[in-house]
Each structure stands twice: as C-alpha cells, then as structure tokens.
Amino acid sequence: MLIDLENETTLQFDINALEEIASSLTSKEIELIITDNETIQELNQEHRDKDKPTDVLSFPMDAPFTEQSIFGMPLGSIVISADLVKEKADEFGHSIQDELSLLFIHGLLHLLGFDHETDDGEMRAREKEIIEAFDLPSSLIVRTTESSDSN
C-alpha cells in the first residue's frame, strides 16, 4: 500500500482506486488525510495565510531530494476536505469517488513538484492526461482551462 490513510470523517470511498492512481505516478508512500472544512481552514490559514476552507492541500517532504534519491522516504502529505468533496461532487453531478480522485491527482501532482500557479500549463496538461487515463470527469484545473479556452 502506497497510501497511509487517516480518515477523520465518515466519508466512504474506495482506497484501491486511489492506490491505482498513486502507483501509476510514484513508488513513494503518501500520507492522505481526509478531514473537515474547519480543520483544512486552520491548515490553510497556518500554511498559506488564507483564512478559508479549501478542497486540497499538499505538503511535500521538506528535504531536498529527487523522488528516487532517498529510499523509503515518503513523498509527502495530501489533506482533502470531505465537506468540499461532497459539495463539489453534487455541484458537478459526479460521484464522491470521482471528486476525491480528482483532488487526489491534483494534490499528488503538487507533491511531485508541479505548480499550476507558476508553470506554463505543464501541470494542467499532466492532470488532463491522468484524468483521461482513469476515465474521470474534468477537474477544476481542467474545467477552468476549458472554460477560458471557449471564451
């Protein structure tokens, strides 16, 4: 198992589907924390100076290393808000599993060093490839790109 899961909520999902996504991108262990809006808001305030809940946060290992350089070191932690998973799944008309998978992919790409806020679309392109490979609906980052492309 690549995913070390800590589910602080009652959200039900298939961890094996997330394991399959993770193993397609890395061989490193990933800590996945599913929490509520209140907890993720506290983390968002503490680490990003944004006093509001967010859907996903990523915390890469601080040690400077490439993915292959330190055997056995985890890649980092992904924190996802169960409240926002439910809300966005309902808003976009897809399953909780699909929304959780989309957020997990987004968080995992950040752990792997991608950053959509500073790159030239590489993260969006990679995210879209993974989403298509796993037959998932469009993620927020892909939806945002597609809606701006059509304007």
N, C-alpha and C. Protein backbone atom coordinates (compact mmCIF):
# COMPACT_ATOMS: atom_id res chain seq x y z
N MET A 1 0.84 -1.18 0.00
CA MET A 1 0.00 0.00 0.00
C MET A 1 0.89 1.25 0.00
N LEU A 2 0.64 2.12 -0.97
CA LEU A 2 1.38 3.38 -1.05
C LEU A 2 0.75 4.46 -0.19
N ILE A 3 -0.56 4.34 0.06
CA ILE A 3 -1.28 5.39 0.77
C ILE A 3 -1.45 5.03 2.23
N ASP A 4 -0.98 5.93 3.08
CA ASP A 4 -1.17 5.82 4.51
C ASP A 4 -2.38 6.72 4.83
N LEU A 5 -3.54 6.10 5.00
CA LEU A 5 -4.80 6.83 5.12
C LEU A 5 -5.15 7.16 6.56
N GLU A 6 -5.55 8.41 6.77
CA GLU A 6 -6.13 8.84 8.03
C GLU A 6 -7.44 9.54 7.69
N ASN A 7 -8.54 8.82 7.83
CA ASN A 7 -9.86 9.38 7.52
C ASN A 7 -10.50 9.85 8.82
N GLU A 8 -10.53 11.17 9.00
CA GLU A 8 -11.09 11.77 10.22
C GLU A 8 -12.59 12.02 10.08
N THR A 9 -13.18 11.53 9.00
CA THR A 9 -14.59 11.79 8.70
C THR A 9 -15.32 10.47 8.46
N THR A 10 -16.59 10.59 8.08
CA THR A 10 -17.37 9.41 7.74
C THR A 10 -17.42 9.18 6.23
N LEU A 11 -16.65 9.93 5.47
CA LEU A 11 -16.66 9.81 4.01
C LEU A 11 -16.26 8.39 3.61
N GLN A 12 -17.10 7.77 2.78
CA GLN A 12 -16.86 6.42 2.29
C GLN A 12 -16.33 6.48 0.86
N PHE A 13 -15.27 5.74 0.59
CA PHE A 13 -14.69 5.72 -0.75
C PHE A 13 -13.82 4.48 -0.91
N ASP A 14 -13.42 4.23 -2.15
CA ASP A 14 -12.60 3.08 -2.49
C ASP A 14 -11.13 3.49 -2.50
N ILE A 15 -10.41 3.12 -1.46
CA ILE A 15 -8.99 3.47 -1.37
C ILE A 15 -8.18 2.80 -2.48
N ASN A 16 -8.64 1.65 -2.96
CA ASN A 16 -7.92 0.93 -4.02
C ASN A 16 -7.86 1.74 -5.31
N ALA A 17 -8.91 2.50 -5.59
CA ALA A 17 -8.90 3.35 -6.78
C ALA A 17 -7.83 4.43 -6.66
N LEU A 18 -7.66 4.98 -5.47
CA LEU A 18 -6.62 5.99 -5.24
C LEU A 18 -5.24 5.34 -5.27
N GLU A 19 -5.13 4.13 -4.76
CA GLU A 19 -3.86 3.39 -4.81
C GLU A 19 -3.42 3.17 -6.26
N GLU A 20 -4.38 2.85 -7.12
CA GLU A 20 -4.07 2.63 -8.53
C GLU A 20 -3.53 3.90 -9.18
N ILE A 21 -4.15 5.02 -8.86
CA ILE A 21 -3.67 6.32 -9.38
C ILE A 21 -2.26 6.59 -8.85
N ALA A 22 -2.08 6.44 -7.55
CA ALA A 22 -0.78 6.72 -6.93
C ALA A 22 0.32 5.86 -7.55
N SER A 23 0.05 4.58 -7.70
CA SER A 23 1.10 3.68 -8.21
C SER A 23 1.43 3.94 -9.68
N SER A 24 0.55 4.63 -10.39
CA SER A 24 0.85 4.97 -11.79
C SER A 24 1.80 6.17 -11.87
N LEU A 25 1.97 6.89 -10.75
CA LEU A 25 2.78 8.11 -10.75
C LEU A 25 4.02 8.06 -9.87
N THR A 26 4.02 7.18 -8.86
CA THR A 26 5.14 7.15 -7.93
C THR A 26 5.22 5.79 -7.25
N SER A 27 6.37 5.51 -6.69
CA SER A 27 6.52 4.32 -5.85
C SER A 27 6.69 4.73 -4.38
N LYS A 28 6.57 6.00 -4.11
CA LYS A 28 6.74 6.55 -2.76
C LYS A 28 5.43 6.50 -1.98
N GLU A 29 5.55 6.35 -0.66
CA GLU A 29 4.39 6.38 0.22
C GLU A 29 3.85 7.80 0.30
N ILE A 30 2.53 7.91 0.42
CA ILE A 30 1.85 9.19 0.51
C ILE A 30 0.92 9.13 1.71
N GLU A 31 0.98 10.15 2.55
CA GLU A 31 0.02 10.26 3.64
C GLU A 31 -1.20 10.99 3.09
N LEU A 32 -2.38 10.40 3.26
CA LEU A 32 -3.63 11.01 2.82
C LEU A 32 -4.51 11.22 4.04
N ILE A 33 -4.85 12.48 4.29
CA ILE A 33 -5.71 12.83 5.42
C ILE A 33 -7.01 13.39 4.86
N ILE A 34 -8.11 12.75 5.24
CA ILE A 34 -9.44 13.26 4.88
C ILE A 34 -9.98 13.92 6.13
N THR A 35 -10.33 15.20 6.01
CA THR A 35 -10.75 15.95 7.19
C THR A 35 -11.97 16.80 6.86
N ASP A 36 -12.32 17.72 7.74
CA ASP A 36 -13.49 18.57 7.54
C ASP A 36 -13.05 19.99 7.18
N ASN A 37 -14.01 20.84 6.85
CA ASN A 37 -13.70 22.22 6.45
C ASN A 37 -13.00 23.00 7.56
N GLU A 38 -13.41 22.79 8.80
CA GLU A 38 -12.81 23.54 9.90
C GLU A 38 -11.31 23.26 10.01
N THR A 39 -10.94 22.00 9.95
CA THR A 39 -9.53 21.62 10.08
C THR A 39 -8.71 22.09 8.88
N ILE A 40 -9.26 21.91 7.67
CA ILE A 40 -8.48 22.33 6.50
C ILE A 40 -8.38 23.85 6.44
N GLN A 41 -9.37 24.56 6.95
CA GLN A 41 -9.29 26.02 7.01
C GLN A 41 -8.15 26.44 7.95
N GLU A 42 -8.02 25.77 9.08
CA GLU A 42 -6.92 26.07 10.01
C GLU A 42 -5.57 25.84 9.33
N LEU A 43 -5.44 24.74 8.61
CA LEU A 43 -4.19 24.44 7.90
C LEU A 43 -3.92 25.47 6.80
N ASN A 44 -4.97 25.85 6.09
CA ASN A 44 -4.83 26.83 5.01
C ASN A 44 -4.39 28.18 5.58
N GLN A 45 -4.93 28.55 6.72
CA GLN A 45 -4.54 29.81 7.37
C GLN A 45 -3.08 29.73 7.83
N GLU A 46 -2.74 28.63 8.48
CA GLU A 46 -1.40 28.47 9.04
C GLU A 46 -0.32 28.42 7.96
N HIS A 47 -0.58 27.72 6.87
CA HIS A 47 0.47 27.48 5.87
C HIS A 47 0.40 28.37 4.64
N ARG A 48 -0.77 28.97 4.38
CA ARG A 48 -0.91 29.77 3.16
C ARG A 48 -1.48 31.16 3.43
N ASP A 49 -1.72 31.49 4.68
CA ASP A 49 -2.31 32.79 5.06
C ASP A 49 -3.65 33.04 4.36
N LYS A 50 -4.41 31.97 4.15
CA LYS A 50 -5.75 32.10 3.55
C LYS A 50 -6.75 31.55 4.55
N ASP A 51 -7.56 32.43 5.11
CA ASP A 51 -8.49 32.07 6.19
C ASP A 51 -9.82 31.61 5.61
N LYS A 52 -9.76 30.50 4.89
CA LYS A 52 -10.97 29.90 4.33
C LYS A 52 -10.69 28.43 4.06
N PRO A 53 -11.75 27.63 4.02
CA PRO A 53 -11.54 26.22 3.68
C PRO A 53 -11.12 26.10 2.22
N THR A 54 -10.39 25.05 1.92
CA THR A 54 -10.01 24.74 0.54
C THR A 54 -10.23 23.26 0.33
N ASP A 55 -10.25 22.83 -0.92
CA ASP A 55 -10.55 21.43 -1.18
C ASP A 55 -9.36 20.50 -0.94
N VAL A 56 -8.14 20.94 -1.30
CA VAL A 56 -6.97 20.06 -1.15
C VAL A 56 -5.73 20.89 -0.84
N LEU A 57 -4.91 20.37 0.05
CA LEU A 57 -3.61 20.94 0.36
C LEU A 57 -2.56 19.85 0.22
N SER A 58 -1.38 20.22 -0.24
CA SER A 58 -0.28 19.28 -0.38
C SER A 58 0.91 19.77 0.42
N PHE A 59 1.55 18.84 1.10
CA PHE A 59 2.73 19.15 1.90
C PHE A 59 3.85 18.20 1.51
N PRO A 60 4.68 18.61 0.53
CA PRO A 60 5.80 17.76 0.14
C PRO A 60 6.81 17.64 1.28
N MET A 61 7.57 16.57 1.28
CA MET A 61 8.67 16.45 2.24
C MET A 61 9.58 17.65 2.06
N ASP A 62 10.04 18.22 3.15
CA ASP A 62 10.89 19.40 3.09
C ASP A 62 12.30 19.09 2.63
N ALA A 63 12.76 17.87 2.84
CA ALA A 63 14.13 17.52 2.48
C ALA A 63 14.34 17.67 0.98
N PRO A 64 15.45 18.30 0.59
CA PRO A 64 15.72 18.45 -0.85
C PRO A 64 16.19 17.13 -1.45
N PHE A 65 15.31 16.46 -2.15
CA PHE A 65 15.68 15.21 -2.80
C PHE A 65 14.81 14.98 -4.02
N THR A 66 15.35 14.22 -4.94
CA THR A 66 14.53 13.81 -6.07
C THR A 66 13.76 12.58 -5.62
N GLU A 67 12.74 12.23 -6.36
CA GLU A 67 11.89 11.12 -5.94
C GLU A 67 12.69 9.83 -5.75
N GLN A 68 13.72 9.60 -6.55
CA GLN A 68 14.47 8.36 -6.47
C GLN A 68 15.63 8.42 -5.47
N SER A 69 15.96 9.58 -4.93
CA SER A 69 17.23 9.72 -4.21
C SER A 69 17.26 9.13 -2.81
N ILE A 70 16.17 9.16 -2.08
CA ILE A 70 16.19 8.65 -0.71
C ILE A 70 15.20 7.50 -0.60
N PHE A 71 15.73 6.31 -0.57
CA PHE A 71 14.89 5.12 -0.50
C PHE A 71 14.07 5.12 0.77
N GLY A 72 12.80 4.85 0.65
CA GLY A 72 11.94 4.71 1.80
C GLY A 72 11.34 6.00 2.34
N MET A 73 11.77 7.15 1.86
CA MET A 73 11.21 8.41 2.34
C MET A 73 9.85 8.63 1.69
N PRO A 74 8.84 9.03 2.48
CA PRO A 74 7.53 9.32 1.87
C PRO A 74 7.61 10.56 0.99
N LEU A 75 6.71 10.62 0.03
CA LEU A 75 6.65 11.76 -0.88
C LEU A 75 6.13 13.01 -0.16
N GLY A 76 5.15 12.82 0.72
CA GLY A 76 4.57 13.94 1.44
C GLY A 76 3.15 13.62 1.86
N SER A 77 2.40 14.67 2.21
CA SER A 77 1.03 14.53 2.70
C SER A 77 0.06 15.30 1.82
N ILE A 78 -1.11 14.71 1.65
CA ILE A 78 -2.22 15.36 0.96
C ILE A 78 -3.37 15.42 1.96
N VAL A 79 -3.95 16.61 2.11
CA VAL A 79 -5.10 16.79 3.00
C VAL A 79 -6.28 17.22 2.13
N ILE A 80 -7.40 16.51 2.26
CA ILE A 80 -8.59 16.79 1.45
C ILE A 80 -9.79 17.01 2.37
N SER A 81 -10.60 18.02 2.05
CA SER A 81 -11.81 18.31 2.80
C SER A 81 -12.97 17.43 2.31
N ALA A 82 -13.46 16.56 3.19
CA ALA A 82 -14.60 15.72 2.85
C ALA A 82 -15.84 16.58 2.57
N ASP A 83 -15.97 17.69 3.30
CA ASP A 83 -17.12 18.57 3.09
C ASP A 83 -17.14 19.10 1.66
N LEU A 84 -15.97 19.54 1.17
CA LEU A 84 -15.91 20.08 -0.19
C LEU A 84 -15.97 18.99 -1.25
N VAL A 85 -15.50 17.79 -0.93
CA VAL A 85 -15.66 16.66 -1.86
C VAL A 85 -17.15 16.44 -2.13
N LYS A 86 -17.94 16.38 -1.05
CA LYS A 86 -19.38 16.16 -1.19
C LYS A 86 -20.03 17.31 -1.95
N GLU A 87 -19.69 18.54 -1.58
CA GLU A 87 -20.28 19.72 -2.19
C GLU A 87 -19.98 19.78 -3.69
N LYS A 88 -18.72 19.57 -4.07
CA LYS A 88 -18.33 19.67 -5.48
C LYS A 88 -18.86 18.50 -6.30
N ALA A 89 -18.92 17.32 -5.71
CA ALA A 89 -19.48 16.16 -6.41
C ALA A 89 -20.94 16.45 -6.75
N ASP A 90 -21.67 17.01 -5.79
CA ASP A 90 -23.06 17.35 -6.02
C ASP A 90 -23.19 18.47 -7.05
N GLU A 91 -22.36 19.50 -6.92
CA GLU A 91 -22.40 20.64 -7.84
C GLU A 91 -22.12 20.23 -9.28
N PHE A 92 -21.16 19.34 -9.48
CA PHE A 92 -20.78 18.96 -10.84
C PHE A 92 -21.43 17.66 -11.31
N GLY A 93 -22.25 17.06 -10.47
CA GLY A 93 -23.03 15.89 -10.88
C GLY A 93 -22.21 14.63 -11.11
N HIS A 94 -21.16 14.46 -10.33
CA HIS A 94 -20.43 13.19 -10.42
C HIS A 94 -20.29 12.59 -9.01
N SER A 95 -19.70 11.43 -8.93
CA SER A 95 -19.66 10.71 -7.66
C SER A 95 -18.62 11.30 -6.70
N ILE A 96 -18.82 10.98 -5.44
CA ILE A 96 -17.85 11.35 -4.41
C ILE A 96 -16.50 10.74 -4.75
N GLN A 97 -16.50 9.49 -5.21
CA GLN A 97 -15.24 8.82 -5.58
C GLN A 97 -14.53 9.58 -6.69
N ASP A 98 -15.27 10.02 -7.70
CA ASP A 98 -14.65 10.77 -8.80
C ASP A 98 -14.05 12.08 -8.30
N GLU A 99 -14.80 12.82 -7.48
CA GLU A 99 -14.29 14.10 -6.98
C GLU A 99 -13.06 13.89 -6.09
N LEU A 100 -13.12 12.89 -5.24
CA LEU A 100 -11.97 12.59 -4.38
C LEU A 100 -10.75 12.21 -5.24
N SER A 101 -10.96 11.44 -6.27
CA SER A 101 -9.87 11.05 -7.17
C SER A 101 -9.26 12.27 -7.86
N LEU A 102 -10.11 13.19 -8.30
CA LEU A 102 -9.62 14.40 -8.95
C LEU A 102 -8.77 15.24 -8.00
N LEU A 103 -9.23 15.40 -6.77
CA LEU A 103 -8.47 16.17 -5.80
C LEU A 103 -7.18 15.46 -5.42
N PHE A 104 -7.24 14.14 -5.33
CA PHE A 104 -6.04 13.36 -5.01
C PHE A 104 -4.99 13.52 -6.12
N ILE A 105 -5.41 13.45 -7.37
CA ILE A 105 -4.49 13.65 -8.50
C ILE A 105 -3.86 15.04 -8.42
N HIS A 106 -4.67 16.04 -8.17
CA HIS A 106 -4.19 17.41 -8.08
C HIS A 106 -3.13 17.53 -6.97
N GLY A 107 -3.46 17.01 -5.80
CA GLY A 107 -2.54 17.06 -4.67
C GLY A 107 -1.27 16.28 -4.94
N LEU A 108 -1.39 15.11 -5.57
CA LEU A 108 -0.23 14.28 -5.86
C LEU A 108 0.71 14.97 -6.85
N LEU A 109 0.14 15.63 -7.84
CA LEU A 109 1.00 16.35 -8.80
C LEU A 109 1.78 17.46 -8.09
N HIS A 110 1.15 18.12 -7.13
CA HIS A 110 1.89 19.12 -6.35
C HIS A 110 3.04 18.46 -5.57
N LEU A 111 2.79 17.28 -4.99
CA LEU A 111 3.85 16.58 -4.28
C LEU A 111 5.00 16.21 -5.22
N LEU A 112 4.67 15.97 -6.47
CA LEU A 112 5.68 15.59 -7.47
C LEU A 112 6.39 16.80 -8.07
N GLY A 113 6.05 18.00 -7.57
CA GLY A 113 6.78 19.19 -7.97
C GLY A 113 6.09 20.08 -8.99
N PHE A 114 4.90 19.71 -9.42
CA PHE A 114 4.16 20.56 -10.35
C PHE A 114 3.52 21.73 -9.59
N ASP A 115 3.38 22.88 -10.27
CA ASP A 115 2.73 24.04 -9.66
C ASP A 115 2.04 24.86 -10.74
N HIS A 116 0.72 24.74 -10.83
CA HIS A 116 -0.06 25.42 -11.86
C HIS A 116 -0.03 26.94 -11.71
N GLU A 117 0.34 27.43 -10.52
CA GLU A 117 0.39 28.88 -10.33
C GLU A 117 1.65 29.51 -10.94
N THR A 118 2.67 28.69 -11.20
CA THR A 118 3.93 29.24 -11.72
C THR A 118 4.40 28.61 -13.03
N ASP A 119 3.81 27.47 -13.43
CA ASP A 119 4.29 26.82 -14.66
C ASP A 119 3.57 27.35 -15.90
N ASP A 120 3.94 26.85 -17.03
CA ASP A 120 3.34 27.28 -18.30
C ASP A 120 2.32 26.27 -18.81
N GLY A 121 1.53 25.72 -17.90
CA GLY A 121 0.49 24.79 -18.29
C GLY A 121 0.89 23.33 -18.19
N GLU A 122 2.10 23.04 -17.72
CA GLU A 122 2.54 21.65 -17.62
C GLU A 122 1.66 20.85 -16.65
N MET A 123 1.32 21.44 -15.51
CA MET A 123 0.50 20.71 -14.54
C MET A 123 -0.89 20.43 -15.12
N ARG A 124 -1.47 21.42 -15.77
CA ARG A 124 -2.79 21.22 -16.37
C ARG A 124 -2.75 20.09 -17.40
N ALA A 125 -1.72 20.09 -18.22
CA ALA A 125 -1.60 19.07 -19.26
C ALA A 125 -1.42 17.68 -18.64
N ARG A 126 -0.58 17.58 -17.63
CA ARG A 126 -0.34 16.28 -16.98
C ARG A 126 -1.59 15.82 -16.26
N GLU A 127 -2.28 16.73 -15.59
CA GLU A 127 -3.51 16.39 -14.88
C GLU A 127 -4.56 15.88 -15.87
N LYS A 128 -4.68 16.54 -17.00
CA LYS A 128 -5.65 16.12 -18.01
C LYS A 128 -5.32 14.72 -18.53
N GLU A 129 -4.05 14.44 -18.76
CA GLU A 129 -3.64 13.09 -19.21
C GLU A 129 -4.06 12.02 -18.22
N ILE A 130 -3.81 12.26 -16.94
CA ILE A 130 -4.13 11.28 -15.89
C ILE A 130 -5.63 11.10 -15.77
N ILE A 131 -6.36 12.21 -15.81
CA ILE A 131 -7.82 12.15 -15.73
C ILE A 131 -8.39 11.32 -16.87
N GLU A 132 -7.88 11.53 -18.06
CA GLU A 132 -8.34 10.76 -19.21
C GLU A 132 -7.95 9.30 -19.09
N ALA A 133 -6.75 9.01 -18.60
CA ALA A 133 -6.28 7.63 -18.44
C ALA A 133 -7.16 6.85 -17.46
N PHE A 134 -7.68 7.53 -16.46
CA PHE A 134 -8.52 6.87 -15.46
C PHE A 134 -10.01 7.13 -15.69
N ASP A 135 -10.34 7.70 -16.84
CA ASP A 135 -11.74 7.92 -17.26
C ASP A 135 -12.54 8.68 -16.19
N LEU A 136 -11.96 9.79 -15.74
CA LEU A 136 -12.60 10.63 -14.74
C LEU A 136 -13.18 11.88 -15.38
N PRO A 137 -14.15 12.53 -14.72
CA PRO A 137 -14.67 13.80 -15.25
C PRO A 137 -13.62 14.90 -15.12
N SER A 138 -13.82 16.01 -15.78
CA SER A 138 -12.86 17.12 -15.72
C SER A 138 -12.68 17.62 -14.29
N SER A 139 -11.45 17.95 -13.96
CA SER A 139 -11.15 18.51 -12.64
C SER A 139 -11.31 20.02 -12.71
N LEU A 140 -11.19 20.66 -11.57
CA LEU A 140 -11.30 22.11 -11.50
C LEU A 140 -10.26 22.77 -12.40
N ILE A 141 -9.02 22.31 -12.34
CA ILE A 141 -7.96 22.93 -13.13
C ILE A 141 -8.23 22.75 -14.63
N VAL A 142 -8.74 21.60 -15.01
CA VAL A 142 -9.05 21.35 -16.43
C VAL A 142 -10.32 22.11 -16.81
N ARG A 143 -11.33 22.12 -15.94
CA ARG A 143 -12.57 22.87 -16.21
C ARG A 143 -12.27 24.34 -16.40
N THR A 144 -11.40 24.89 -15.55
CA THR A 144 -11.03 26.30 -15.63
C THR A 144 -10.35 26.59 -16.95
N THR A 145 -9.45 25.73 -17.38
CA THR A 145 -8.76 25.91 -18.66
C THR A 145 -9.74 25.82 -19.82
N GLU A 146 -10.63 24.82 -19.79
CA GLU A 146 -11.57 24.62 -20.88
C GLU A 146 -12.54 25.80 -20.99
N SER A 147 -12.99 26.34 -19.85
CA SER A 147 -13.94 27.46 -19.93
C SER A 147 -13.24 28.73 -20.42
N SER A 148 -11.97 28.93 -20.07
CA SER A 148 -11.27 30.11 -20.56
C SER A 148 -10.90 29.95 -22.03
N ASP A 149 -10.70 28.70 -22.49
CA ASP A 149 -10.41 28.46 -23.90
C ASP A 149 -11.62 28.78 -24.79
N SER A 150 -12.82 28.58 -24.21
CA SER A 150 -14.03 28.77 -25.03
C SER A 150 -14.52 30.20 -25.02
N ASN A 151 -13.90 31.08 -24.25
CA ASN A 151 -14.31 32.48 -24.19
C ASN A 151 -13.62 33.30 -25.26
